[in-house]
Amino acid sequence: MAIGNVPTGLARSGDHVFVTDRASDDLKVIDISDPANLAVVASLALGDLPADVAISGNYAYVLDNDRLKIIQLFCPNMVTMDPVTGELTSQAITESDPQVGANTTDRVPKWDGSALVSGTIADVAGKVGIGTTAPVSKLDVEGGLAVGAAYSGTSAAPANGAIIEGNVGIGTTAPEHKLDVNGIVRIKDHLTFNSANGVVNWGPSGTLHFRTLNAVGNNTGFNDRMAITASGNVGIGVVTPDEKLVVEGGRIKTSVGYTCKAGINGGYGNAFNFFWTGASLQGVDRQRERGHRAIHLRPQAEGAHQPHHHQRHRPREAVETRDLQLPEDRRQHVHRG
């Protein structure tokens, strides 16, 4: 606003009147908010420099030649004025225990509609806790967790559990199934299929290995026990079976007590060993079937009599029957070289 060069120059702004008194060379700031009680709130010497400043309430009034400039002070208590130069200086704002509102230590505050109060999220030494004030991991959640638009705000997670919409990837950034793991999975209890059509799939050109780990910790020295190839061959004790069933280094036992074993027997070289208990051997049938040699054992229980066995459904010349009388023993075997 213009002051002018008249000794009685007058200007008004809001509840304040600014009067220039050339007799005393002062600028008077008068509060007129109460007309019955006018009060001079500031008086400063006029001059030719903008160092002439008057502060009243939240405003600083600076006289610049014949113009009066008004500066609003948002924190008047934090502003000081140099009485010689008229320089305004804001004070540094510091606090030994900074917080907004009445909050608990390490709690992230929240707005409750009328004030800031302590929230339920804790920030402790770079660790975030939800539902806990003592997180020990980067993110520590105490309670259920729901992830995804289909569950968030609509479905409650189980206590201390999680429900996740979409696919979950462990060791992969592009999971293609509900659970996609790129690495070794360790199951310490049981693997259960609740569907009536439970299926185990593996790569179309690979082999399904069944292994055991007789070690503690993260040892990866697995031992192959059984393998199923992509062509359907099964190997027990061997990982590359070339027949429907290949057994290496062990015996095959039936539910009635008969066992057989393939391997090396004494000086006979490769051999099949057959074992049984509780019966004597009545005879052995040797025959050729589809270009292969085959034998049939006919055990007989002690004291029982069985008629001579004939293979009527096969050509006579293809069957050779031999009746044997072997010592009755709890552990007997027949060697076929």
Protein backbone atom coordinates (compact mmCIF):
# COMPACT_ATOMS: atom_id res chain seq x y z
CA MET A 1 0.00 0.00 0.00
CA ALA A 2 1.22 3.57 -0.56
CA ILE A 3 2.32 5.54 2.50
CA GLY A 4 3.08 8.84 0.82
CA ASN A 5 5.33 11.67 2.01
CA VAL A 6 2.74 13.44 4.14
CA PRO A 7 3.63 13.53 7.86
CA THR A 8 0.17 12.23 8.63
CA GLY A 9 0.21 9.47 5.96
CA LEU A 10 -2.39 6.82 6.81
CA ALA A 11 -2.99 3.29 5.55
CA ARG A 12 -5.17 0.44 6.77
CA SER A 13 -4.86 -3.35 6.42
CA GLY A 14 -7.36 -5.55 8.20
CA ASP A 15 -7.46 -4.69 11.89
CA HIS A 16 -4.32 -2.55 11.72
CA VAL A 17 -3.73 1.09 10.80
CA PHE A 18 -0.30 2.31 9.77
CA VAL A 19 0.44 5.98 10.51
CA THR A 20 3.62 7.84 9.53
CA ASP A 21 4.69 10.44 12.05
CA ARG A 22 7.24 12.63 10.34
CA ALA A 23 7.74 14.64 13.49
CA SER A 24 9.31 11.66 15.19
CA ASP A 25 10.15 9.90 11.94
CA ASP A 26 8.31 6.80 13.18
CA LEU A 27 5.86 4.33 11.68
CA LYS A 28 3.07 3.59 14.10
CA VAL A 29 1.13 0.30 13.82
CA ILE A 30 -2.21 0.63 15.61
CA ASP A 31 -4.56 -2.28 16.40
CA ILE A 32 -8.15 -1.16 15.69
CA SER A 33 -9.87 -4.52 16.22
CA ASP A 34 -11.49 -2.96 19.32
CA PRO A 35 -12.44 0.66 18.43
CA ALA A 36 -12.95 1.49 22.10
CA ASN A 37 -9.42 0.42 22.97
CA LEU A 38 -7.00 1.43 20.23
CA ALA A 39 -3.50 0.19 20.90
CA VAL A 40 -0.15 0.93 19.31
CA VAL A 41 1.35 -2.50 18.73
CA ALA A 42 4.58 -1.39 17.08
CA SER A 43 6.62 1.71 16.39
CA LEU A 44 9.72 1.86 14.26
CA ALA A 45 11.96 4.54 12.89
CA LEU A 46 11.49 5.37 9.23
CA GLY A 47 14.42 5.49 6.88
CA ASP A 48 15.46 4.99 3.31
CA LEU A 49 16.33 1.29 3.71
CA PRO A 50 14.06 -1.75 3.97
CA ALA A 51 15.73 -2.43 7.30
CA ASP A 52 12.83 -0.65 8.94
CA VAL A 53 10.66 -3.58 10.06
CA ALA A 54 7.74 -3.90 12.41
CA ILE A 55 6.39 -7.28 13.58
CA SER A 56 2.80 -7.64 14.73
CA GLY A 57 1.18 -11.01 15.24
CA ASN A 58 1.90 -13.25 12.29
CA TYR A 59 3.01 -10.39 10.01
CA ALA A 60 6.20 -8.40 9.44
CA TYR A 61 5.81 -4.90 7.97
CA VAL A 62 8.74 -3.61 5.96
CA LEU A 63 8.95 0.03 4.85
CA ASP A 64 10.60 0.35 1.45
CA ASN A 65 10.81 4.05 0.50
CA ASP A 66 7.14 5.04 0.09
CA ARG A 67 5.81 1.47 -0.10
CA LEU A 68 4.85 -0.80 2.77
CA LYS A 69 5.43 -4.54 2.27
CA ILE A 70 3.63 -7.10 4.43
CA ILE A 71 5.22 -10.51 5.00
CA GLN A 72 3.18 -13.27 6.62
CA LEU A 73 5.04 -15.24 9.28
CA PHE A 74 3.65 -18.74 9.79
CA CYS A 75 5.81 -19.34 12.87
CA PRO A 76 6.35 -15.89 14.38
CA ASN A 77 7.86 -17.30 17.55
CA MET A 78 10.58 -18.95 15.47
CA VAL A 79 11.57 -15.69 13.65
CA THR A 80 13.98 -13.12 15.04
CA MET A 81 14.75 -9.63 13.74
CA ASP A 82 18.07 -7.85 13.84
CA PRO A 83 17.29 -4.37 15.28
CA VAL A 84 20.16 -2.79 13.32
CA THR A 85 19.86 -4.36 9.87
CA GLY A 86 16.23 -5.44 10.05
CA GLU A 87 17.18 -8.95 8.85
CA LEU A 88 14.61 -11.66 9.58
CA THR A 89 16.09 -15.02 10.62
CA SER A 90 14.18 -18.25 11.11
CA GLN A 91 15.32 -20.45 13.95
CA ALA A 92 16.23 -24.13 13.49
CA ILE A 93 13.46 -26.44 14.63
CA THR A 94 14.79 -29.39 16.58
CA GLU A 95 13.31 -31.89 19.02
CA SER A 96 15.06 -34.45 21.19
CA ASP A 97 12.17 -36.94 20.95
CA PRO A 98 10.36 -36.19 17.69
CA GLN A 99 6.88 -37.60 17.30
CA VAL A 100 3.51 -36.52 16.00
CA GLY A 101 0.82 -37.08 18.56
CA ALA A 102 0.99 -39.35 21.60
CA ASN A 103 2.57 -42.48 20.14
CA THR A 104 4.40 -45.54 21.39
CA THR A 105 8.08 -45.97 20.57
CA ASP A 106 8.75 -47.62 17.16
CA ARG A 107 5.05 -47.52 16.22
CA VAL A 108 3.92 -46.03 12.91
CA PRO A 109 1.18 -43.47 13.80
CA LYS A 110 -2.25 -43.51 12.21
CA TRP A 111 -5.10 -41.01 11.97
CA ASP A 112 -8.17 -42.08 13.94
CA GLY A 113 -10.39 -39.33 12.51
CA SER A 114 -9.49 -36.63 14.98
CA ALA A 115 -5.87 -37.15 15.99
CA LEU A 116 -2.73 -39.17 15.37
CA VAL A 117 -2.54 -42.25 17.59
CA SER A 118 -0.26 -45.28 17.86
CA GLY A 119 -0.74 -47.76 15.02
CA THR A 120 -0.30 -51.52 14.90
CA ILE A 121 2.68 -51.44 12.52
CA ALA A 122 6.12 -51.39 14.13
CA ASP A 123 9.36 -50.23 12.53
CA VAL A 124 12.25 -51.57 14.59
CA ALA A 125 15.84 -51.32 13.32
CA GLY A 126 14.82 -51.70 9.69
CA LYS A 127 12.40 -54.56 10.39
CA VAL A 128 8.66 -54.16 9.92
CA GLY A 129 6.25 -55.91 12.22
CA ILE A 130 2.50 -56.25 11.67
CA GLY A 131 0.70 -57.46 14.75
CA THR A 132 3.99 -57.66 16.64
CA THR A 133 6.20 -55.01 18.22
CA ALA A 134 9.34 -57.15 18.10
CA PRO A 135 9.92 -58.20 14.46
CA VAL A 136 12.96 -60.41 13.85
CA SER A 137 12.72 -60.52 10.04
CA LYS A 138 12.43 -57.85 7.35
CA LEU A 139 8.67 -58.48 7.41
CA ASP A 140 7.20 -60.19 10.44
CA VAL A 141 3.44 -60.82 10.43
CA GLU A 142 1.61 -62.23 13.43
CA GLY A 143 -1.73 -63.59 12.26
CA GLY A 144 -3.31 -64.59 8.97
CA LEU A 145 -2.25 -63.24 5.59
CA ALA A 146 -4.46 -62.82 2.50
CA VAL A 147 -2.85 -62.01 -0.87
CA GLY A 148 -4.73 -61.13 -4.04
CA ALA A 149 -7.86 -59.20 -5.00
CA ALA A 150 -10.06 -62.31 -4.74
CA TYR A 151 -9.22 -62.74 -1.04
CA SER A 152 -8.29 -59.26 0.19
CA GLY A 153 -11.17 -57.80 2.17
CA THR A 154 -13.47 -60.74 1.46
CA SER A 155 -11.93 -63.97 2.81
CA ALA A 156 -10.31 -64.43 6.20
CA ALA A 157 -7.03 -66.32 6.24
CA PRO A 158 -6.61 -69.19 8.71
CA ALA A 159 -5.03 -68.35 12.04
CA ASN A 160 -1.30 -67.76 11.47
CA GLY A 161 -1.75 -69.04 7.91
CA ALA A 162 -1.93 -67.57 4.42
CA ILE A 163 -4.27 -67.69 1.45
CA ILE A 164 -2.74 -66.65 -1.87
CA GLU A 165 -4.48 -65.98 -5.15
CA GLY A 166 -2.71 -67.18 -8.29
CA ASN A 167 0.52 -69.14 -8.68
CA VAL A 168 3.37 -69.27 -6.19
CA GLY A 169 6.94 -69.53 -7.40
CA ILE A 170 9.92 -70.59 -5.29
CA GLY A 171 13.21 -70.14 -7.08
CA THR A 172 11.41 -68.95 -10.22
CA THR A 173 9.97 -65.60 -11.30
CA ALA A 174 7.44 -67.12 -13.70
CA PRO A 175 5.47 -69.87 -11.92
CA GLU A 176 3.18 -71.81 -14.26
CA HIS A 177 1.29 -73.83 -11.62
CA LYS A 178 -0.22 -73.27 -8.21
CA LEU A 179 3.17 -74.15 -6.73
CA ASP A 180 6.20 -74.02 -8.99
CA VAL A 181 9.51 -74.91 -7.34
CA ASN A 182 12.83 -74.65 -9.15
CA GLY A 183 15.04 -76.81 -6.97
CA ILE A 184 14.90 -79.71 -4.53
CA VAL A 185 11.76 -80.09 -2.42
CA ARG A 186 12.11 -81.76 0.96
CA ILE A 187 9.04 -83.35 2.59
CA LYS A 188 9.65 -84.65 6.10
CA ASP A 189 6.30 -86.38 6.51
CA HIS A 190 3.81 -87.66 3.92
CA LEU A 191 2.81 -86.64 0.42
CA THR A 192 -0.95 -87.19 0.08
CA PHE A 193 -3.21 -87.01 -2.99
CA ASN A 194 -6.82 -86.37 -1.97
CA SER A 195 -8.12 -86.68 -5.52
CA ALA A 196 -9.31 -90.10 -6.66
CA ASN A 197 -7.24 -89.60 -9.81
CA GLY A 198 -3.99 -88.51 -8.20
CA VAL A 199 -1.21 -88.49 -10.79
CA VAL A 200 2.54 -87.98 -10.66
CA ASN A 201 4.00 -86.52 -13.84
CA TRP A 202 7.59 -86.05 -14.89
CA GLY A 203 9.36 -84.92 -18.04
CA PRO A 204 8.33 -86.82 -21.20
CA SER A 205 11.93 -87.81 -21.98
CA GLY A 206 13.20 -88.15 -18.44
CA THR A 207 13.36 -90.82 -15.78
CA LEU A 208 11.53 -90.77 -12.47
CA HIS A 209 14.02 -91.59 -9.72
CA PHE A 210 13.16 -92.81 -6.24
CA ARG A 211 16.06 -92.05 -3.93
CA THR A 212 16.90 -92.19 -0.26
CA LEU A 213 19.13 -89.90 1.77
CA ASN A 214 20.72 -91.50 4.80
CA ALA A 215 22.30 -88.28 5.97
CA VAL A 216 21.61 -85.29 8.17
CA GLY A 217 21.40 -81.68 7.05
CA ASN A 218 21.68 -80.46 3.49
CA ASN A 219 23.72 -83.38 2.17
CA THR A 220 22.76 -84.08 -1.44
CA GLY A 221 24.34 -87.54 -1.70
CA PHE A 222 21.18 -89.41 -2.65
CA ASN A 223 21.12 -93.16 -3.32
CA ASP A 224 19.05 -94.41 -6.27
CA ARG A 225 16.65 -97.18 -5.21
CA MET A 226 14.14 -97.42 -8.06
CA ALA A 227 13.70 -95.80 -11.46
CA ILE A 228 10.88 -95.65 -14.00
CA THR A 229 11.89 -94.64 -17.50
CA ALA A 230 9.81 -92.68 -19.98
CA SER A 231 9.17 -95.92 -21.90
CA GLY A 232 7.65 -97.57 -18.82
CA ASN A 233 10.55 -99.82 -17.76
CA VAL A 234 11.05 -100.27 -14.03
CA GLY A 235 14.43 -100.75 -12.45
CA ILE A 236 15.08 -101.74 -8.85
CA GLY A 237 18.70 -101.18 -7.95
CA VAL A 238 19.40 -99.98 -11.49
CA VAL A 239 18.66 -96.59 -13.07
CA THR A 240 18.65 -97.66 -16.75
CA PRO A 241 16.32 -100.69 -16.98
CA ASP A 242 16.06 -102.14 -20.49
CA GLU A 243 13.13 -104.46 -19.69
CA LYS A 244 9.75 -103.98 -18.07
CA LEU A 245 11.24 -105.03 -14.73
CA VAL A 246 14.94 -105.23 -13.96
CA VAL A 247 16.11 -106.13 -10.45
CA GLU A 248 19.74 -105.74 -9.49
CA GLY A 249 21.45 -107.01 -6.35
CA GLY A 250 18.54 -108.48 -4.43
CA ARG A 251 15.75 -111.03 -4.23
CA ILE A 252 12.14 -111.02 -5.36
CA LYS A 253 9.74 -112.56 -2.85
CA THR A 254 6.10 -113.56 -3.20
CA SER A 255 3.49 -113.37 -0.48
CA VAL A 256 3.58 -117.18 -0.03
CA GLY A 257 7.30 -117.24 0.68
CA TYR A 258 8.92 -118.01 -2.69
CA THR A 259 11.92 -115.90 -3.61
CA CYS A 260 14.30 -115.74 -6.53
CA LYS A 261 17.63 -114.04 -7.00
CA ALA A 262 19.63 -113.25 -10.11
CA GLY A 263 23.39 -112.98 -9.96
CA ILE A 264 26.60 -114.99 -9.81
CA ASN A 265 26.45 -118.37 -8.09
CA GLY A 266 29.77 -120.02 -7.28
CA GLY A 267 31.62 -121.20 -10.37
CA TYR A 268 28.51 -121.38 -12.53
CA GLY A 269 28.59 -117.76 -13.63
CA ASN A 270 25.28 -116.00 -14.13
CA ALA A 271 22.45 -117.88 -12.45
CA PHE A 272 18.90 -117.67 -11.16
CA ASN A 273 18.47 -118.89 -7.61
CA PHE A 274 15.03 -119.88 -6.33
CA PHE A 275 14.25 -120.24 -2.63
CA TRP A 276 11.24 -121.59 -0.78
CA THR A 277 10.32 -123.04 2.62
CA GLY A 278 8.00 -125.74 3.88
CA ALA A 279 7.83 -127.89 0.73
CA SER A 280 9.90 -130.25 -1.39
CA LEU A 281 10.37 -129.81 -5.12
CA GLN A 282 8.33 -132.26 -7.17
CA GLY A 283 9.75 -131.34 -10.55
CA VAL A 284 11.14 -128.78 -12.92
CA ASP A 285 9.71 -128.09 -16.37
CA ARG A 286 12.08 -126.63 -18.93
CA GLN A 287 10.66 -125.26 -22.14
CA ARG A 288 11.17 -122.74 -24.87
CA GLU A 289 8.71 -119.91 -25.18
CA ARG A 290 8.99 -117.49 -28.08
CA GLY A 291 12.67 -118.17 -28.52
CA HIS A 292 13.51 -117.88 -24.80
CA ARG A 293 14.32 -120.54 -22.26
CA ALA A 294 11.85 -120.90 -19.41
CA ILE A 295 11.60 -123.09 -16.33
CA HIS A 296 8.62 -123.92 -14.13
CA LEU A 297 9.00 -125.11 -10.54
CA ARG A 298 6.46 -127.47 -9.03
CA PRO A 299 6.91 -127.47 -5.24
CA GLN A 300 4.99 -130.01 -3.15
CA ALA A 301 4.04 -129.62 0.47
CA GLU A 302 5.41 -132.22 2.89
CA GLY A 303 3.24 -135.38 2.90
CA ALA A 304 1.18 -134.24 -0.07
CA HIS A 305 1.03 -136.05 -3.38
CA GLN A 306 0.57 -134.29 -6.68
CA PRO A 307 -0.05 -136.06 -10.01
CA HIS A 308 2.51 -135.84 -12.73
CA HIS A 309 2.26 -132.50 -14.48
CA HIS A 310 1.82 -132.33 -18.24
CA GLN A 311 1.87 -129.25 -20.43
CA ARG A 312 -0.88 -130.31 -22.89
CA HIS A 313 -1.34 -126.88 -24.33
CA ARG A 314 2.24 -126.74 -25.67
CA PRO A 315 3.96 -128.95 -28.31
CA ARG A 316 5.53 -132.05 -26.78
CA GLU A 317 8.90 -131.37 -28.31
CA ALA A 318 9.02 -127.94 -26.69
CA VAL A 319 8.63 -129.28 -23.14
CA GLU A 320 11.12 -131.22 -21.09
CA THR A 321 9.89 -132.43 -17.69
CA ARG A 322 12.27 -133.60 -15.03
CA ASP A 323 11.17 -135.04 -11.69
CA LEU A 324 13.59 -134.25 -8.91
CA GLN A 325 14.06 -135.56 -5.43
CA LEU A 326 15.86 -132.88 -3.47
CA PRO A 327 16.77 -132.93 0.20
CA GLU A 328 14.01 -131.43 2.24
CA ASP A 329 15.45 -128.31 3.78
CA ARG A 330 14.11 -125.07 5.08
CA ARG A 331 16.21 -123.30 2.45
CA GLN A 332 16.52 -125.03 -0.95
CA HIS A 333 17.47 -123.69 -4.34
CA VAL A 334 17.68 -124.81 -7.92
CA HIS A 335 20.47 -123.54 -10.15
CA ARG A 336 19.86 -122.91 -13.80
CA GLY A 337 23.02 -122.02 -15.71
